[in-house]
Amino acid sequence: MTHETLENFLPGWGKELSLRYNTNFFSSAEQIWKIPDLPEKVISKPFEFSYQVLDITRSDTSTGYKNRKQEDGTIKASAIELSINLENFPIDIPPPRVFCIDTEESYAMLAGRWKLPKKGPIHFCPPRLDLGVPAQHDIRELTTQIVQLPQFLEIIKDFGGIDSRAFITDLVRDPRIELQDALYLLSGVTVPRTQFDVHHIKDDSSDNPFKRHPATTNHLNLEGISYPDCEMLKFCDPFASGMQIYKSLEEHLLKIDKNCNSNKIKHLILVSPLATLEGTAINAIGAARHNIQTTVFTSAALLHATKPLMYWCPPYMACDNLIVDPKILKVIEAIYGDKADQIDPWCNWSARRLSPPQALIDSEALELLDHGLTNQIVLDNALAITPQRMAQEIGLNPRSFVSFATVEEALLHDRLRELQEFIDV
């Protein structure tokens, strides 16, 4: 089904689907679908912050490759704060905010990093081919940087008692975001945590443009969590349409209301290595129905959940206000050519982190072949990106793509000296 045919749907198609599948996601999605110029609703404000490697058990070697390390050992980084100004949004609820950060690990989420195999040359690797544990470790490191943003710290300060007035929910397909660990390293406090499984059910109904609907498979277990006084929910999961997060919020509120006859939730925090403008707006509308504010923390850019499926999420290629550094888009263009605005950075998000063989199969079968590409073509294009080309043609410091996983591989394979020589151009 194409976007054009969907525009001919009668008003109210979202409400009908919401009634059918017992979730207001579709009615909120219809509101966002109608907005033709959504990126223009976003106000971007740049700022700078400093962070440090929180885990003292991890090698200090990685900070030596940071191109913005300061004398006190902290690392200086840039970021942007995005405010999405939606029409008819409740005036008593702050508009949804998104924070994107400019670090080596955030670049690895969106564009790629330098990879050091056990044998063979050092080369540039896009995220869809950067698989398994190294990808997990970069996500984990990204989270420790996110929690050091001044705006994240302010949210925690405002609520206080984060071990009794907030809790974390890892959606089962959470890619080792490890927010609970990051908050412990930051504060010494263990914030309560649970898991919840909301997944997609295939749906070929002609009136469902998403071709799927959300469903829960397990009971939301809040045992041991003091949720009657909870004022803030923290969900960990990447999202495109935001369908699973939307359903998760509904189930959390239903559970708390059932047991307490009401709830005190004021703020929904989403920690998401990949996040989209559309998914953020849809969830903000849904949360606002319950007088809840929405804030998203993500990597280097706010992505585009493309219609009609809102399943794939390439970057916006002509919206400099949605990315920390527009030059990153040149890297993506070098890899995908004129398909850069159509290709998802990760493809099968779960398999990318947890099952590399399946990720490689799906990378082609689910997406690349439809665009006349293969894994080998993508890899060949990435291999053509050298430190010299990165610096001279693209205009980015090669060190900006030395992520935690890059240094970890260099240590593991005893190639630190080689890495240093490789990136010094």
Protein backbone atom coordinates (compact mmCIF):
# COMPACT_ATOMS: atom_id res chain seq x y z
CA MET A 1 0.00 0.00 0.00
CA THR A 2 1.41 3.35 -0.93
CA HIS A 3 1.31 6.62 0.90
CA GLU A 4 -0.84 8.12 -1.84
CA THR A 5 -3.59 5.53 -1.58
CA LEU A 6 -3.67 5.91 2.17
CA GLU A 7 -4.30 9.63 1.84
CA ASN A 8 -7.62 8.67 0.27
CA PHE A 9 -8.74 6.82 3.40
CA LEU A 10 -11.79 8.28 5.07
CA PRO A 11 -11.06 10.30 8.22
CA GLY A 12 -11.26 8.10 11.27
CA TRP A 13 -9.34 5.09 9.93
CA GLY A 14 -7.03 5.33 12.96
CA LYS A 15 -9.93 5.25 15.40
CA GLU A 16 -11.36 2.16 13.73
CA LEU A 17 -8.04 0.32 13.98
CA SER A 18 -7.62 1.44 17.59
CA LEU A 19 -11.00 -0.04 18.50
CA ARG A 20 -10.17 -3.25 16.67
CA TYR A 21 -6.79 -3.79 18.35
CA ASN A 22 -7.48 -2.24 21.76
CA THR A 23 -4.82 0.46 21.57
CA ASN A 24 -5.02 4.17 20.83
CA PHE A 25 -1.79 3.99 18.84
CA PHE A 26 -3.57 4.09 15.48
CA SER A 27 -5.71 7.12 16.27
CA SER A 28 -2.61 9.01 17.45
CA ALA A 29 -0.73 7.86 14.36
CA GLU A 30 -3.49 9.22 12.10
CA GLN A 31 -3.04 12.65 13.69
CA ILE A 32 0.68 12.62 12.86
CA TRP A 33 0.14 11.13 9.42
CA LYS A 34 -1.81 14.18 8.35
CA ILE A 35 1.08 16.57 9.02
CA PRO A 36 2.91 17.12 5.68
CA ASP A 37 5.82 19.13 7.07
CA LEU A 38 6.59 17.47 10.41
CA PRO A 39 10.36 18.27 10.37
CA GLU A 40 9.47 21.95 10.13
CA LYS A 41 7.71 21.66 13.49
CA VAL A 42 11.04 20.98 15.19
CA ILE A 43 13.14 23.67 16.84
CA SER A 44 16.79 22.69 17.32
CA LYS A 45 19.10 24.19 19.94
CA PRO A 46 22.78 23.16 20.07
CA PHE A 47 24.73 22.94 23.32
CA GLU A 48 27.85 21.33 24.75
CA PHE A 49 28.39 19.02 27.70
CA SER A 50 31.16 16.97 29.26
CA TYR A 51 31.14 13.31 30.23
CA GLN A 52 33.51 10.69 31.52
CA VAL A 53 33.88 6.92 31.28
CA LEU A 54 31.82 5.87 34.30
CA ASP A 55 32.89 2.25 34.72
CA ILE A 56 36.26 2.25 36.50
CA THR A 57 36.72 -1.44 35.66
CA ARG A 58 36.88 -0.69 31.94
CA SER A 59 40.18 0.11 30.34
CA ASP A 60 41.16 3.77 30.44
CA THR A 61 42.76 3.25 27.04
CA SER A 62 39.58 4.23 25.20
CA THR A 63 39.71 7.84 26.44
CA GLY A 64 43.10 8.26 24.79
CA TYR A 65 41.43 8.13 21.38
CA LYS A 66 38.81 10.77 22.16
CA ASN A 67 39.58 13.81 20.03
CA ARG A 68 37.94 16.15 22.55
CA LYS A 69 39.51 14.96 25.82
CA GLN A 70 40.07 17.75 28.34
CA GLU A 71 42.80 18.23 30.93
CA ASP A 72 40.61 16.98 33.78
CA GLY A 73 40.05 13.68 31.96
CA THR A 74 36.49 14.41 30.91
CA ILE A 75 35.45 14.43 27.27
CA LYS A 76 33.79 17.43 25.69
CA ALA A 77 30.88 16.70 23.37
CA SER A 78 28.25 18.53 21.37
CA ALA A 79 24.54 17.83 21.45
CA ILE A 80 21.22 19.22 20.25
CA GLU A 81 17.94 19.69 22.05
CA LEU A 82 14.90 19.28 19.78
CA SER A 83 11.48 20.59 20.68
CA ILE A 84 8.55 19.30 18.58
CA ASN A 85 5.78 21.88 18.38
CA LEU A 86 2.63 19.99 17.43
CA GLU A 87 -0.62 21.76 16.65
CA ASN A 88 -3.43 21.30 19.17
CA PHE A 89 -1.02 19.79 21.69
CA PRO A 90 -2.26 20.32 25.27
CA ILE A 91 -0.99 23.68 26.49
CA ASP A 92 -0.49 22.41 30.04
CA ILE A 93 1.89 19.61 28.90
CA PRO A 94 5.44 20.55 27.80
CA PRO A 95 6.02 19.70 24.13
CA PRO A 96 8.01 16.53 23.42
CA ARG A 97 11.78 16.98 23.62
CA VAL A 98 14.54 14.91 22.04
CA PHE A 99 18.25 15.00 22.87
CA CYS A 100 20.84 13.81 20.31
CA ILE A 101 24.49 13.56 21.26
CA ASP A 102 27.73 13.81 19.28
CA THR A 103 30.04 11.00 20.45
CA GLU A 104 31.98 8.19 18.80
CA GLU A 105 29.43 5.66 20.00
CA SER A 106 26.49 7.70 18.69
CA TYR A 107 28.19 7.84 15.28
CA ALA A 108 28.55 4.06 15.42
CA MET A 109 24.76 3.74 15.80
CA LEU A 110 24.00 5.81 12.72
CA ALA A 111 26.92 5.75 10.26
CA GLY A 112 29.53 3.25 11.43
CA ARG A 113 32.97 2.90 13.01
CA TRP A 114 36.47 1.62 12.37
CA LYS A 115 36.55 -2.15 12.79
CA LEU A 116 39.57 -4.30 13.68
CA PRO A 117 39.03 -7.97 12.87
CA LYS A 118 41.35 -10.60 14.33
CA LYS A 119 43.00 -10.82 10.94
CA GLY A 120 42.80 -8.51 7.99
CA PRO A 121 42.98 -4.73 7.50
CA ILE A 122 41.30 -2.12 9.64
CA HIS A 123 38.25 -0.90 7.77
CA PHE A 124 35.12 1.19 8.07
CA CYS A 125 32.02 -0.79 9.01
CA PRO A 126 28.41 0.46 8.74
CA PRO A 127 26.10 -0.47 11.64
CA ARG A 128 24.05 -3.03 9.70
CA LEU A 129 27.27 -5.08 9.31
CA ASP A 130 28.61 -4.32 12.80
CA LEU A 131 27.12 -7.28 14.59
CA GLY A 132 26.93 -9.07 17.92
CA VAL A 133 28.68 -8.19 21.17
CA PRO A 134 30.70 -5.20 19.85
CA ALA A 135 27.44 -3.51 18.83
CA GLN A 136 26.01 -4.22 22.28
CA HIS A 137 29.02 -2.69 23.98
CA ASP A 138 28.78 0.54 21.99
CA ILE A 139 25.10 0.82 22.94
CA ARG A 140 25.98 0.28 26.59
CA GLU A 141 28.64 2.98 26.43
CA LEU A 142 26.24 5.37 24.71
CA THR A 143 23.84 5.00 27.64
CA THR A 144 26.53 6.01 30.16
CA GLN A 145 27.01 9.20 28.13
CA ILE A 146 23.28 9.95 27.89
CA VAL A 147 22.79 9.83 31.67
CA GLN A 148 25.48 12.53 32.05
CA LEU A 149 23.58 15.05 29.94
CA PRO A 150 22.68 18.03 32.13
CA GLN A 151 19.03 17.72 31.07
CA PHE A 152 18.93 14.06 32.11
CA LEU A 153 20.51 14.94 35.46
CA GLU A 154 17.98 17.74 35.92
CA ILE A 155 15.08 15.36 35.37
CA ILE A 156 16.44 13.01 38.02
CA LYS A 157 17.01 15.92 40.40
CA ASP A 158 13.48 17.21 39.89
CA PHE A 159 11.95 13.89 40.81
CA GLY A 160 14.41 12.91 43.53
CA GLY A 161 14.30 9.49 45.17
CA ILE A 162 14.80 7.79 41.82
CA ASP A 163 14.82 4.41 43.52
CA SER A 164 11.26 4.93 44.83
CA ARG A 165 9.64 7.45 42.49
CA ALA A 166 10.72 5.95 39.15
CA PHE A 167 11.44 2.59 37.58
CA ILE A 168 12.91 1.25 34.35
CA THR A 169 11.21 -1.06 31.88
CA ASP A 170 13.39 -2.87 29.37
CA LEU A 171 11.25 -3.98 26.47
CA VAL A 172 12.27 -7.58 25.81
CA ARG A 173 13.89 -6.62 22.51
CA ASP A 174 15.94 -3.98 24.35
CA PRO A 175 19.44 -4.15 22.83
CA ARG A 176 21.47 -4.21 26.05
CA ILE A 177 20.83 -0.52 26.71
CA GLU A 178 21.64 -1.16 30.40
CA LEU A 179 20.15 2.02 31.82
CA GLN A 180 19.95 0.53 35.31
CA ASP A 181 23.71 -0.12 35.26
CA ALA A 182 24.49 3.36 33.94
CA LEU A 183 22.41 5.04 36.65
CA TYR A 184 24.13 2.94 39.31
CA LEU A 185 27.57 3.95 38.04
CA LEU A 186 26.43 7.57 38.02
CA SER A 187 24.68 7.74 41.38
CA GLY A 188 25.34 4.56 43.34
CA VAL A 189 21.58 3.96 43.39
CA THR A 190 19.85 0.89 41.98
CA VAL A 191 16.71 2.09 40.21
CA PRO A 192 14.04 -0.66 40.12
CA ARG A 193 13.78 -2.44 36.79
CA THR A 194 11.43 -4.83 35.06
CA GLN A 195 10.92 -6.32 31.58
CA PHE A 196 7.92 -6.37 29.31
CA ASP A 197 7.32 -7.98 25.93
CA VAL A 198 5.26 -6.13 23.35
CA HIS A 199 5.77 -7.39 19.83
CA HIS A 200 4.29 -7.00 16.36
CA ILE A 201 1.57 -9.26 14.99
CA LYS A 202 1.40 -9.43 11.20
CA ASP A 203 -1.81 -8.03 9.77
CA ASP A 204 -2.68 -8.02 6.05
CA SER A 205 -5.94 -6.14 6.47
CA SER A 206 -6.37 -3.71 3.58
CA ASP A 207 -7.21 -0.85 5.94
CA ASN A 208 -4.06 -1.22 8.10
CA PRO A 209 -1.18 0.68 6.44
CA PHE A 210 1.31 -0.55 9.05
CA LYS A 211 0.62 -4.23 8.21
CA ARG A 212 1.01 -5.07 11.90
CA HIS A 213 -0.46 -4.36 15.30
CA PRO A 214 1.00 -4.56 18.82
CA ALA A 215 0.34 -7.40 21.22
CA THR A 216 1.64 -8.38 24.65
CA THR A 217 2.90 -11.88 25.38
CA ASN A 218 3.70 -11.71 29.08
CA HIS A 219 2.18 -10.35 32.24
CA LEU A 220 3.64 -7.00 33.31
CA ASN A 221 5.42 -7.90 36.53
CA LEU A 222 5.75 -4.99 38.94
CA GLU A 223 6.43 -7.17 41.97
CA GLY A 224 8.83 -5.46 44.34
CA ILE A 225 8.35 -2.07 42.67
CA SER A 226 6.77 0.74 44.68
CA TYR A 227 4.65 1.97 41.81
CA PRO A 228 1.89 3.75 43.80
CA ASP A 229 4.29 6.68 44.32
CA CYS A 230 5.98 6.38 40.92
CA GLU A 231 6.05 9.65 38.96
CA MET A 232 8.36 8.74 36.09
CA LEU A 233 8.62 5.77 33.71
CA LYS A 234 11.83 5.03 31.84
CA PHE A 235 11.45 2.77 28.79
CA CYS A 236 14.48 1.34 27.01
CA ASP A 237 14.08 0.33 23.36
CA PRO A 238 14.87 1.67 19.89
CA PHE A 239 11.76 2.62 17.96
CA ALA A 240 10.50 3.44 14.47
CA SER A 241 6.69 3.85 14.54
CA GLY A 242 6.75 3.69 18.34
CA MET A 243 3.92 1.15 18.29
CA GLN A 244 5.42 -1.13 20.95
CA ILE A 245 6.31 1.71 23.28
CA TYR A 246 2.81 3.16 22.94
CA LYS A 247 1.22 -0.16 23.89
CA SER A 248 3.69 -0.57 26.75
CA LEU A 249 2.68 2.78 28.24
CA GLU A 250 -0.99 1.83 28.00
CA GLU A 251 -0.35 -1.47 29.78
CA HIS A 252 1.73 0.19 32.52
CA LEU A 253 -0.97 2.76 33.24
CA LEU A 254 -3.69 0.10 33.16
CA LYS A 255 -1.78 -2.02 35.66
CA ILE A 256 -1.05 0.86 38.04
CA ASP A 257 -4.60 2.24 37.81
CA LYS A 258 -6.08 -1.19 38.48
CA ASN A 259 -4.06 -1.65 41.63
CA CYS A 260 -4.10 1.94 42.91
CA ASN A 261 -7.30 3.37 41.39
CA SER A 262 -5.10 6.11 39.92
CA ASN A 263 -1.52 6.94 39.03
CA LYS A 264 0.97 9.76 39.61
CA ILE A 265 2.95 9.36 36.38
CA LYS A 266 4.10 12.74 35.07
CA HIS A 267 7.00 11.96 32.77
CA LEU A 268 7.84 9.28 30.19
CA ILE A 269 11.56 8.94 29.45
CA LEU A 270 12.62 6.97 26.36
CA VAL A 271 16.27 5.89 26.09
CA SER A 272 16.62 4.72 22.51
CA PRO A 273 19.78 4.16 20.41
CA LEU A 274 17.58 4.75 17.36
CA ALA A 275 14.51 6.99 17.49
CA THR A 276 12.28 8.64 14.91
CA LEU A 277 10.48 11.95 14.66
CA GLU A 278 7.19 10.24 13.81
CA GLY A 279 7.40 7.71 16.64
CA THR A 280 8.26 10.44 19.12
CA ALA A 281 5.31 12.58 18.06
CA ILE A 282 2.87 9.67 18.14
CA ASN A 283 3.94 8.62 21.64
CA ALA A 284 3.92 12.20 22.89
CA ILE A 285 0.30 12.56 21.78
CA GLY A 286 -0.58 9.29 23.47
CA ALA A 287 1.20 10.22 26.71
CA ALA A 288 -0.39 13.68 26.73
CA ARG A 289 -3.81 12.02 26.82
CA HIS A 290 -2.81 10.95 30.32
CA ASN A 291 -1.20 14.30 31.23
CA ILE A 292 2.28 12.84 30.81
CA GLN A 293 5.27 14.65 29.34
CA THR A 294 7.59 12.81 26.88
CA THR A 295 11.37 13.15 26.60
CA VAL A 296 13.60 11.05 24.30
CA PHE A 297 17.36 10.50 24.57
CA THR A 298 18.98 9.03 21.47
CA SER A 299 22.19 8.92 19.43
CA ALA A 300 23.33 11.28 16.65
CA ALA A 301 20.05 12.06 14.87
CA LEU A 302 16.27 11.88 14.99
CA LEU A 303 15.36 9.55 12.14
CA HIS A 304 12.49 9.21 9.67
CA ALA A 305 9.89 6.43 10.04
CA THR A 306 8.99 6.17 6.36
CA LYS A 307 5.40 5.68 5.23
CA PRO A 308 3.35 3.64 4.85
CA LEU A 309 4.83 0.93 7.12
CA MET A 310 6.74 3.26 9.46
CA TYR A 311 9.03 0.26 9.98
CA TRP A 312 12.25 1.38 8.31
CA CYS A 313 13.91 4.52 9.64
CA PRO A 314 16.59 6.12 7.46
CA PRO A 315 17.88 9.60 8.32
CA TYR A 316 16.28 12.76 7.01
CA MET A 317 18.82 13.76 4.36
CA ALA A 318 17.77 17.40 3.97
CA CYS A 319 16.95 18.37 7.55
CA ASP A 320 20.11 19.64 9.20
CA ASN A 321 18.14 20.55 12.33
CA LEU A 322 17.58 16.86 13.16
CA ILE A 323 21.23 15.74 13.32
CA VAL A 324 24.19 16.77 15.48
CA ASP A 325 26.50 17.18 12.48
CA PRO A 326 25.14 17.09 8.90
CA LYS A 327 28.52 15.88 7.62
CA ILE A 328 27.61 12.45 9.03
CA LEU A 329 25.11 12.21 6.17
CA LYS A 330 28.03 12.29 3.70
CA VAL A 331 29.30 9.05 5.23
CA ILE A 332 25.89 7.43 4.82
CA GLU A 333 25.69 8.67 1.21
CA ALA A 334 29.13 7.21 0.51
CA ILE A 335 27.84 3.81 1.61
CA TYR A 336 24.31 3.76 0.15
CA GLY A 337 24.48 6.31 -2.67
CA ASP A 338 21.11 7.66 -3.80
CA LYS A 339 19.37 5.12 -1.52
CA ALA A 340 20.71 6.81 1.62
CA ASP A 341 17.31 8.31 2.39
CA GLN A 342 15.63 4.90 2.15
CA ILE A 343 17.91 2.43 3.95
CA ASP A 344 17.50 1.63 7.64
CA PRO A 345 20.77 1.85 9.61
CA TRP A 346 20.29 -1.55 11.31
CA CYS A 347 17.69 -3.61 9.37
CA ASN A 348 16.80 -6.52 11.71
CA TRP A 349 17.39 -4.70 14.97
CA SER A 350 17.25 -7.74 17.27
CA ALA A 351 19.34 -10.03 15.08
CA ARG A 352 21.99 -7.34 14.59
CA ARG A 353 22.91 -7.54 18.26
CA LEU A 354 21.95 -11.08 19.15
CA SER A 355 22.27 -13.31 16.06
CA PRO A 356 24.81 -12.12 13.46
CA PRO A 357 24.21 -14.94 10.92
CA GLN A 358 20.50 -14.15 10.77
CA ALA A 359 21.23 -10.42 10.63
CA LEU A 360 23.29 -10.89 7.46
CA ILE A 361 20.55 -12.93 5.82
CA ASP A 362 17.83 -10.43 6.71
CA SER A 363 19.97 -7.45 5.72
CA GLU A 364 19.62 -8.54 2.12
CA ALA A 365 16.32 -10.44 2.11
CA LEU A 366 14.28 -7.86 4.01
CA GLU A 367 15.72 -4.68 2.58
CA LEU A 368 18.87 -4.37 0.46
CA LEU A 369 17.82 -6.56 -2.45
CA ASP A 370 14.69 -4.44 -2.90
CA HIS A 371 17.02 -1.48 -3.51
CA GLY A 372 19.41 -3.28 -5.87
CA LEU A 373 22.06 -3.66 -3.14
CA THR A 374 23.78 -6.53 -1.36
CA ASN A 375 25.84 -6.85 1.81
CA GLN A 376 28.97 -7.09 -0.33
CA ILE A 377 28.16 -3.89 -2.23
CA VAL A 378 27.57 -2.08 1.05
CA LEU A 379 30.81 -3.45 2.48
CA ASP A 380 32.79 -2.53 -0.64
CA ASN A 381 31.48 1.03 -0.45
CA ALA A 382 32.44 1.19 3.24
CA LEU A 383 35.93 -0.17 2.51
CA ALA A 384 36.48 2.81 0.22
CA ILE A 385 36.15 5.15 3.21
CA THR A 386 39.69 5.68 4.51
CA PRO A 387 40.88 8.04 7.26
CA GLN A 388 42.25 10.33 4.55
CA ARG A 389 38.92 10.42 2.73
CA MET A 390 37.08 10.92 6.02
CA ALA A 391 39.20 13.96 6.85
CA GLN A 392 39.69 15.56 3.45
CA GLU A 393 36.55 14.77 1.45
CA ILE A 394 33.92 14.29 4.14
CA GLY A 395 35.38 16.77 6.61
CA LEU A 396 35.19 14.68 9.78
CA ASN A 397 37.98 13.70 12.16
CA PRO A 398 38.72 9.96 11.74
CA ARG A 399 38.93 9.70 15.54
CA SER A 400 35.20 10.47 15.67
CA PHE A 401 34.64 6.90 14.51
CA VAL A 402 36.89 5.19 17.07
CA SER A 403 34.16 3.85 19.33
CA PHE A 404 34.45 1.79 22.50
CA ALA A 405 34.07 -1.38 20.42
CA THR A 406 36.90 -0.26 18.13
CA VAL A 407 39.33 0.14 21.03
CA GLU A 408 38.09 -3.08 22.60
CA GLU A 409 38.87 -4.96 19.38
CA ALA A 410 42.31 -3.33 19.20
CA LEU A 411 43.06 -4.49 22.75
CA LEU A 412 41.67 -7.96 22.15
CA HIS A 413 43.72 -8.50 19.00
CA ASP A 414 46.83 -6.59 20.17
CA ARG A 415 46.51 -3.95 17.45
CA LEU A 416 46.52 -0.69 19.43
CA ARG A 417 49.68 0.65 17.84
CA GLU A 418 48.31 -0.20 14.39
CA LEU A 419 45.07 1.61 15.17
CA GLN A 420 46.97 4.71 16.27
CA GLU A 421 49.00 4.79 13.08
CA PHE A 422 45.90 4.14 10.98
CA ILE A 423 43.89 7.12 12.24
CA ASP A 424 46.77 9.63 12.39
CA VAL A 425 46.37 11.40 9.05
